C-alpha atoms as a PDB file:
ATOM      1  CA  MET A   1      13.659   0.236  -6.233  1.00  0.00           C
ATOM      2  CA  ALA A   2      10.766   3.024  -5.565  1.00  0.00           C
ATOM      3  CA  SER A   3       7.473   1.642  -5.452  1.00  0.00           C
ATOM      4  CA  ASP A   4       4.623   2.468  -8.152  1.00  0.00           C
ATOM      5  CA  SER A   5       3.446   5.251  -5.869  1.00  0.00           C
ATOM      6  CA  THR A   6       7.262   7.072  -5.665  1.00  0.00           C
ATOM      7  CA  SER A   7       9.407   7.915  -7.881  1.00  0.00           C
ATOM      8  CA  GLU A   8      13.308   7.674  -7.413  1.00  0.00           C
ATOM      9  CA  ARG A   9      13.433  11.305  -8.207  1.00  0.00           C
ATOM     10  CA  GLY A  10      10.656  12.341  -5.646  1.00  0.00           C
ATOM     11  CA  LEU A  11      12.554  10.012  -2.863  1.00  0.00           C
ATOM     12  CA  ARG A  12      15.950  11.918  -3.746  1.00  0.00           C
ATOM     13  CA  GLY A  13      13.896  15.334  -3.187  1.00  0.00           C
ATOM     14  CA  LEU A  14      13.246  14.285   0.411  1.00  0.00           C
ATOM     15  CA  LEU A  15      17.388  13.333   0.853  1.00  0.00           C
ATOM     16  CA  ASP A  16      18.114  16.899  -0.518  1.00  0.00           C
ATOM     17  CA  PHE A  17      15.583  18.732   1.414  1.00  0.00           C
ATOM     18  CA  PRO A  18      15.162  16.994   4.677  1.00  0.00           C
ATOM     19  CA  ARG A  19      12.528  18.532   6.667  1.00  0.00           C
ATOM     20  CA  GLU A  20      10.682  16.720   9.506  1.00  0.00           C
ATOM     21  CA  GLU A  21       6.760  16.780   8.983  1.00  0.00           C
ATOM     22  CA  MET A  22       3.369  15.009  10.002  1.00  0.00           C
ATOM     23  CA  SER A  23       4.095  12.312   7.522  1.00  0.00           C
ATOM     24  CA  THR A  24       8.034  12.743   7.619  1.00  0.00           C
ATOM     25  CA  GLU A  25      10.430  11.217  10.266  1.00  0.00           C
ATOM     26  CA  ILE A  26      14.568  11.772  10.279  1.00  0.00           C
ATOM     27  CA  LYS A  27      16.711   9.672  12.220  1.00  0.00           C
ATOM     28  CA  ASP A  28      20.781   9.035  12.598  1.00  0.00           C
ATOM     29  CA  TRP A  29      21.835   5.882  11.862  1.00  0.00           C
ATOM     30  CA  LEU A  30      20.632   3.488  14.638  1.00  0.00           C
ATOM     31  CA  ASP A  31      21.948   0.306  15.978  1.00  0.00           C
ATOM     32  CA  LEU A  32      18.893  -1.924  14.883  1.00  0.00           C
ATOM     33  CA  ASP A  33      20.748  -5.111  16.581  1.00  0.00           C
ATOM     34  CA  ASP A  34      19.611  -3.552  19.701  1.00  0.00           C
ATOM     35  CA  ALA A  35      15.855  -4.941  20.689  1.00  0.00           C
ATOM     36  CA  GLY A  36      14.816  -1.510  22.469  1.00  0.00           C
ATOM     37  CA  VAL A  37      15.801   0.658  19.549  1.00  0.00           C
ATOM     38  CA  ARG A  38      14.068  -1.858  17.089  1.00  0.00           C
ATOM     39  CA  ALA A  39      11.051  -1.319  19.182  1.00  0.00           C
ATOM     40  CA  LYS A  40      11.075   2.467  19.256  1.00  0.00           C
ATOM     41  CA  LEU A  41      11.656   2.359  15.663  1.00  0.00           C
ATOM     42  CA  ALA A  42       8.256   0.349  15.435  1.00  0.00           C
ATOM     43  CA  LYS A  43       6.507   3.063  17.275  1.00  0.00           C
ATOM     44  CA  GLU A  44       7.350   5.620  14.625  1.00  0.00           C
ATOM     45  CA  LEU A  45       6.534   3.061  11.741  1.00  0.00           C
ATOM     46  CA  ILE A  46       3.326   2.427  13.522  1.00  0.00           C
ATOM     47  CA  ALA A  47       2.437   6.186  13.805  1.00  0.00           C
ATOM     48  CA  LEU A  48       3.416   6.952  10.249  1.00  0.00           C
ATOM     49  CA  ALA A  49       1.068   3.831   9.113  1.00  0.00           C
ATOM     50  CA  ASN A  50      -2.012   5.521  11.010  1.00  0.00           C
ATOM     51  CA  HIS A  51      -1.309   8.754   9.750  1.00  0.00           C
ATOM     52  CA  GLY A  52      -2.288   7.549   6.428  1.00  0.00           C
ATOM     53  CA  GLY A  53       1.512   6.823   5.276  1.00  0.00           C
ATOM     54  CA  GLY A  54       4.886   8.609   5.034  1.00  0.00           C
ATOM     55  CA  PHE A  55       8.595   8.255   4.920  1.00  0.00           C
ATOM     56  CA  LEU A  56      11.362   7.748   7.571  1.00  0.00           C
ATOM     57  CA  LEU A  57      14.924   8.811   6.604  1.00  0.00           C
ATOM     58  CA  PHE A  58      18.216   7.564   7.843  1.00  0.00           C
ATOM     59  CA  GLY A  59      21.446   9.021   8.066  1.00  0.00           C
ATOM     60  CA  PHE A  60      20.986  12.677   8.883  1.00  0.00           C
ATOM     61  CA  SER A  61      22.181  14.306  12.297  1.00  0.00           C
ATOM     62  CA  GLU A  62      20.216  17.389  13.389  1.00  0.00           C
ATOM     63  CA  THR A  63      22.391  20.745  13.871  1.00  0.00           C
ATOM     64  CA  GLN A  64      21.866  23.859  14.748  1.00  0.00           C
ATOM     65  CA  SER A  65      20.814  25.281  10.785  1.00  0.00           C
ATOM     66  CA  GLY A  66      18.953  21.995  10.218  1.00  0.00           C
ATOM     67  CA  TRP A  67      19.451  18.528   9.363  1.00  0.00           C
ATOM     68  CA  ALA A  68      23.230  17.645   7.825  1.00  0.00           C
ATOM     69  CA  ALA A  69      23.964  13.874   6.287  1.00  0.00           C
ATOM     70  CA  SER A  70      25.696  11.739   8.566  1.00  0.00           C
ATOM     71  CA  SER A  71      28.716   9.703   7.949  1.00  0.00           C
ATOM     72  CA  THR A  72      28.439   5.899   6.546  1.00  0.00           C
ATOM     73  CA  CYS A  73      26.359   3.679   8.610  1.00  0.00           C
ATOM     74  CA  PRO A  74      28.092   2.069  11.521  1.00  0.00           C
ATOM     75  CA  TYR A  75      25.909  -0.715  11.831  1.00  0.00           C
ATOM     76  CA  ARG A  76      25.165  -4.024  10.188  1.00  0.00           C
ATOM     77  CA  ALA A  77      23.400  -3.070   6.607  1.00  0.00           C
ATOM     78  CA  VAL A  78      21.389  -6.222   6.948  1.00  0.00           C
ATOM     79  CA  ARG A  79      19.204  -4.776   9.598  1.00  0.00           C
ATOM     80  CA  TYR A  80      18.574  -1.762   6.812  1.00  0.00           C
ATOM     81  CA  SER A  81      17.359  -4.169   4.308  1.00  0.00           C
ATOM     82  CA  GLN A  82      13.586  -4.509   3.358  1.00  0.00           C
ATOM     83  CA  ASP A  83      13.174  -7.846   5.117  1.00  0.00           C
ATOM     84  CA  GLY A  84      15.095  -6.602   8.030  1.00  0.00           C
ATOM     85  CA  ILE A  85      12.713  -3.505   8.731  1.00  0.00           C
ATOM     86  CA  ASN A  86       9.820  -5.571   7.718  1.00  0.00           C
ATOM     87  CA  ASP A  87      10.627  -8.265  10.504  1.00  0.00           C
ATOM     88  CA  ILE A  88      10.486  -5.519  12.953  1.00  0.00           C
ATOM     89  CA  LEU A  89       7.086  -4.820  11.881  1.00  0.00           C
ATOM     90  CA  LYS A  90       6.185  -8.465  12.401  1.00  0.00           C
ATOM     91  CA  ARG A  91       7.072  -8.479  15.845  1.00  0.00           C
ATOM     92  CA  HIS A  92       5.804  -5.331  16.968  1.00  0.00           C
ATOM     93  CA  ALA A  93       2.737  -4.196  14.700  1.00  0.00           C
ATOM     94  CA  GLU A  94      -0.699  -5.657  15.000  1.00  0.00           C
ATOM     95  CA  PRO A  95      -1.921  -5.865  12.430  1.00  0.00           C
ATOM     96  CA  THR A  96       1.115  -6.260  10.791  1.00  0.00           C
ATOM     97  CA  PHE A  97       1.930  -4.217   7.286  1.00  0.00           C
ATOM     98  CA  GLU A  98       4.858  -4.170   5.151  1.00  0.00           C
ATOM     99  CA  CYS A  99       7.171  -1.138   4.077  1.00  0.00           C
ATOM    100  CA  TYR A 100       9.335  -0.514   0.887  1.00  0.00           C
ATOM    101  CA  VAL A 101      12.983   0.165   1.473  1.00  0.00           C
ATOM    102  CA  HIS A 102      15.167   2.264  -0.849  1.00  0.00           C
ATOM    103  CA  HIS A 103      18.923   2.633  -0.519  1.00  0.00           C
ATOM    104  CA  LEU A 104      19.960   5.836  -2.486  1.00  0.00           C
ATOM    105  CA  GLN A 105      22.157   8.546  -2.373  1.00  0.00           C
ATOM    106  CA  SER A 106      21.480  12.394  -2.463  1.00  0.00           C
ATOM    107  CA  SER A 107      22.352  14.604  -5.317  1.00  0.00           C
ATOM    108  CA  LEU A 108      25.538  15.373  -3.131  1.00  0.00           C
ATOM    109  CA  GLY A 109      26.533  11.589  -3.181  1.00  0.00           C
ATOM    110  CA  ASN A 110      25.571  10.826   0.582  1.00  0.00           C
ATOM    111  CA  ASP A 111      24.214   7.539   1.428  1.00  0.00           C
ATOM    112  CA  HIS A 112      20.544   7.207   3.128  1.00  0.00           C
ATOM    113  CA  VAL A 113      17.908   4.793   3.424  1.00  0.00           C
ATOM    114  CA  VAL A 114      14.444   5.922   2.956  1.00  0.00           C
ATOM    115  CA  VAL A 115      11.525   3.526   4.463  1.00  0.00           C
ATOM    116  CA  GLU A 116       8.289   4.318   2.702  1.00  0.00           C
ATOM    117  CA  VAL A 117       5.627   3.394   4.926  1.00  0.00           C
ATOM    118  CA  PRO A 118       2.235   2.755   3.208  1.00  0.00           C
ATOM    119  CA  GLY A 119      -0.947   4.323   4.247  1.00  0.00           C
ATOM    120  CA  GLY A 120      -4.770   3.197   3.590  1.00  0.00           C
ATOM    121  CA  HIS A 121      -5.339   0.823   6.228  1.00  0.00           C
ATOM    122  CA  VAL A 122      -8.687  -0.057   7.053  1.00  0.00           C
ATOM    123  CA  SER A 123      -8.121  -0.681  10.812  1.00  0.00           C
ATOM    124  CA  PRO A 124      -5.735   1.089  13.440  1.00  0.00           C
ATOM    125  CA  ILE A 125      -2.429  -0.635  14.030  1.00  0.00           C
ATOM    126  CA  ARG A 126      -1.287  -1.185  17.559  1.00  0.00           C
ATOM    127  CA  ALA A 127       2.072  -1.860  19.468  1.00  0.00           C
ATOM    128  CA  ASN A 128       2.655  -5.572  20.311  1.00  0.00           C
ATOM    129  CA  ARG A 129       5.231  -7.422  22.028  1.00  0.00           C
ATOM    130  CA  SER A 130       7.146  -4.500  23.828  1.00  0.00           C
ATOM    131  CA  PRO A 131      10.511  -4.971  25.295  1.00  0.00           C
ATOM    132  CA  GLN A 132      10.603  -3.175  28.841  1.00  0.00           C
ATOM    133  CA  GLY A 133      11.805   0.008  28.715  1.00  0.00           C
ATOM    134  CA  SER A 134      11.783   0.684  25.057  1.00  0.00           C
ATOM    135  CA  GLY A 135       9.383   3.049  25.327  1.00  0.00           C
ATOM    136  CA  LEU A 136       6.632   1.328  23.102  1.00  0.00           C
ATOM    137  CA  THR A 137       3.837  -0.079  24.997  1.00  0.00           C
ATOM    138  CA  ASP A 138       1.756  -3.071  24.663  1.00  0.00           C
ATOM    139  CA  HIS A 139      -1.835  -2.535  23.030  1.00  0.00           C
ATOM    140  CA  THR A 140      -1.025   1.417  22.518  1.00  0.00           C
ATOM    141  CA  TYR A 141      -1.960   2.908  18.971  1.00  0.00           C
ATOM    142  CA  TYR A 142       0.480   5.673  17.957  1.00  0.00           C
ATOM    143  CA  ILE A 143      -0.280   8.342  15.731  1.00  0.00           C
ATOM    144  CA  ARG A 144       1.553  11.508  14.563  1.00  0.00           C
ATOM    145  CA  ARG A 145       0.972  14.446  16.432  1.00  0.00           C
ATOM    146  CA  PRO A 146       2.173  18.199  15.804  1.00  0.00           C
ATOM    147  CA  GLY A 147       5.724  18.655  16.493  1.00  0.00           C
ATOM    148  CA  PRO A 148       6.030  16.542  14.972  1.00  0.00           C
ATOM    149  CA  GLU A 149       6.020  13.565  17.207  1.00  0.00           C
ATOM    150  CA  SER A 150       4.999   9.579  17.465  1.00  0.00           C
ATOM    151  CA  ALA A 151       2.572   9.351  20.555  1.00  0.00           C
ATOM    152  CA  ALA A 152      -0.920   7.913  21.547  1.00  0.00           C
ATOM    153  CA  PRO A 153      -3.966   9.976  20.746  1.00  0.00           C
ATOM    154  CA  GLN A 154      -4.269  12.212  23.574  1.00  0.00           C
ATOM    155  CA  SER A 155      -7.833  13.244  22.811  1.00  0.00           C
ATOM    156  CA  GLY A 156     -11.583  12.295  21.735  1.00  0.00           C
ATOM    157  CA  ARG A 157     -10.519  14.525  18.318  1.00  0.00           C
ATOM    158  CA  GLU A 158      -7.382  12.553  17.560  1.00  0.00           C
ATOM    159  CA  TRP A 159      -8.945   9.287  18.310  1.00  0.00           C
ATOM    160  CA  GLU A 160     -12.217  10.238  16.070  1.00  0.00           C
ATOM    161  CA  ALA A 161      -9.403  11.290  13.103  1.00  0.00           C
ATOM    162  CA  LEU A 162      -7.608   7.774  13.490  1.00  0.00           C
ATOM    163  CA  ILE A 163     -11.215   5.816  13.307  1.00  0.00           C
ATOM    164  CA  ARG A 164     -12.351   8.038  10.179  1.00  0.00           C
ATOM    165  CA  ARG A 165      -9.399   7.589   8.599  1.00  0.00           C
ATOM    166  CA  CYS A 166      -9.857   3.623   8.569  1.00  0.00           C
ATOM    167  CA  LEU A 167     -13.274   4.104   7.737  1.00  0.00           C
ATOM    168  CA  ASP A 168     -12.619   6.329   4.940  1.00  0.00           C
ATOM    169  CA  ASN A 169     -10.273   3.236   3.566  1.00  0.00           C
ATOM    170  CA  ASP A 170     -12.334   0.669   4.078  1.00  0.00           C
ATOM    171  CA  HIS A 171     -15.000   2.628   2.189  1.00  0.00           C
ATOM    172  CA  GLN A 172     -12.791   3.333  -0.799  1.00  0.00           C
ATOM    173  CA  ARG A 173     -11.918  -0.337  -0.818  1.00  0.00           C
ATOM    174  CA  GLN A 174     -15.476  -1.444  -1.141  1.00  0.00           C
ATOM    175  CA  VAL A 175     -16.014   1.145  -4.002  1.00  0.00           C
ATOM    176  CA  GLU A 176     -13.030  -0.232  -6.131  1.00  0.00           C
ATOM    177  CA  SER A 177     -14.303  -3.870  -5.199  1.00  0.00           C
ATOM    178  CA  PHE A 178     -17.770  -2.654  -6.668  1.00  0.00           C
ATOM    179  CA  ARG A 179     -16.296  -1.130  -9.829  1.00  0.00           C
ATOM    180  CA  ARG A 180     -14.219  -4.038 -10.380  1.00  0.00           C
ATOM    181  CA  ILE A 181     -17.500  -6.459 -10.260  1.00  0.00           C
ATOM    182  CA  ILE A 182     -19.513  -4.003 -12.852  1.00  0.00           C
ATOM    183  CA  GLY A 183     -16.619  -3.782 -14.795  1.00  0.00           C
ATOM    184  CA  ALA A 184     -16.554  -7.738 -15.304  1.00  0.00           C
ATOM    185  CA  LEU A 185     -20.408  -7.560 -15.481  1.00  0.00           C
ATOM    186  CA  ILE A 186     -20.278  -5.264 -18.589  1.00  0.00           C
ATOM    187  CA  SER A 187     -17.061  -6.928 -20.070  1.00  0.00           C
ATOM    188  CA  GLU A 188     -18.575 -10.485 -20.232  1.00  0.00           C
ATOM    189  CA  PRO A 189     -21.783 -11.433 -21.756  1.00  0.00           C
ATOM    190  CA  THR A 190     -24.722 -11.474 -19.541  1.00  0.00           C
ATOM    191  CA  LEU A 191     -26.684 -15.041 -19.445  1.00  0.00           C
ATOM    192  CA  ALA A 192     -29.669 -13.199 -21.062  1.00  0.00           C
ATOM    193  CA  GLN A 193     -27.399 -12.456 -23.827  1.00  0.00           C
ATOM    194  CA  ARG A 194     -26.059 -15.853 -23.976  1.00  0.00           C
ATOM    195  CA  VAL A 195     -29.439 -17.389 -24.414  1.00  0.00           C
ATOM    196  CA  ALA A 196     -30.531 -14.630 -26.804  1.00  0.00           C
ATOM    197  CA  ASP A 197     -27.293 -15.728 -29.193  1.00  0.00           C
ATOM    198  CA  VAL A 198     -28.152 -19.170 -29.004  1.00  0.00           C
ATOM    199  CA  ALA A 199     -31.472 -18.628 -29.992  1.00  0.00           C
ATOM    200  CA  SER A 200     -30.444 -16.774 -32.901  1.00  0.00           C
ATOM    201  CA  GLY A 201     -27.848 -19.216 -33.860  1.00  0.00           C
ATOM    202  CA  SER A 202     -30.509 -22.085 -33.829  1.00  0.00           C
ATOM    203  CA  ALA A 203     -32.959 -19.698 -35.756  1.00  0.00           C
ATOM    204  CA  LYS A 204     -30.393 -19.091 -38.322  1.00  0.00           C
ATOM    205  CA  THR A 205     -29.767 -22.632 -38.760  1.00  0.00           C
ATOM    206  CA  LEU A 206     -33.546 -23.796 -38.969  1.00  0.00           C
ATOM    207  CA  HIS A 207     -34.165 -21.369 -41.778  1.00  0.00           C
ATOM    208  CA  ASP A 208     -31.093 -22.606 -43.575  1.00  0.00           C
ATOM    209  CA  TRP A 209     -32.431 -26.024 -43.298  1.00  0.00           C
ATOM    210  CA  THR A 210     -35.934 -24.918 -44.406  1.00  0.00           C
ATOM    211  CA  GLU A 211     -34.704 -23.265 -47.688  1.00  0.00           C
ATOM    212  CA  ALA A 212     -32.493 -25.948 -48.504  1.00  0.00           C
ATOM    213  CA  SER A 213     -34.974 -28.547 -47.922  1.00  0.00           C
ATOM    214  CA  LEU A 214     -37.699 -26.333 -49.929  1.00  0.00           C
ATOM    215  CA  ASP A 215     -34.971 -25.873 -52.752  1.00  0.00           C
ATOM    216  CA  ARG A 216     -34.481 -29.166 -52.761  1.00  0.00           C
ATOM    217  CA  LEU A 217     -38.357 -30.292 -53.331  1.00  0.00           C
ATOM    218  CA  ARG A 218     -38.666 -27.348 -56.035  1.00  0.00           C
ATOM    219  CA  ARG A 219     -35.796 -29.484 -58.082  1.00  0.00           C
ATOM    220  CA  LEU A 220     -37.227 -32.855 -57.528  1.00  0.00           C
ATOM    221  CA  ASP A 221     -40.641 -31.169 -58.818  1.00  0.00           C
ATOM    222  CA  ASP A 222     -39.230 -29.932 -61.988  1.00  0.00           C
ATOM    223  CA  ASP A 223     -37.546 -33.144 -62.736  1.00  0.00           C
ATOM    224  CA  GLY A 224     -40.689 -34.704 -62.478  1.00  0.00           C
ATOM    225  CA  SER A 225     -42.539 -32.291 -64.519  1.00  0.00           C
END
């Protein structure tokens, strides 16, 4: 099932017209039982998350004319489940985050897996617990670079873009929290309003009691005259 932010139709569009971009990485089926392969996949997912989110498509092979659908995945399906992908991030991403995993068919009926990587992170994500020789390096932050490729920042400008993105995300969260607080205050009666309501109710009660008492006195006076 697609997440709230991404429709199934939009995901199928990625499969029907596969193209690697800064926010899209394409892979053939991988043996995710291999620890080194899992670590390399974590590198791609971390880079996409730091980029602001994106997609990783499985089930394509690169040809001279572009990307073509591969045959059926020969590896264990459980590794391509949402839990399987997120277990990789729990081990290799700090702070960890979760992805949405979609099992879909293209318009031609080919099976694929789409990993939807969320953005909006308020702190940069780095690699953790990297197997030797995996291509993933501990305590390294990965971003998407032109090519496209997933690599560590290599200039002050790339570091500035990564940090600025996180600061902007944090600012947006603070604005949204402030809006929720203001909305709650507007929708609920303030203390002053509640006091005024009580006072108004008390005044009405006193007025009714006074009128009833005067009416009673007038009737007694009429009876005695």
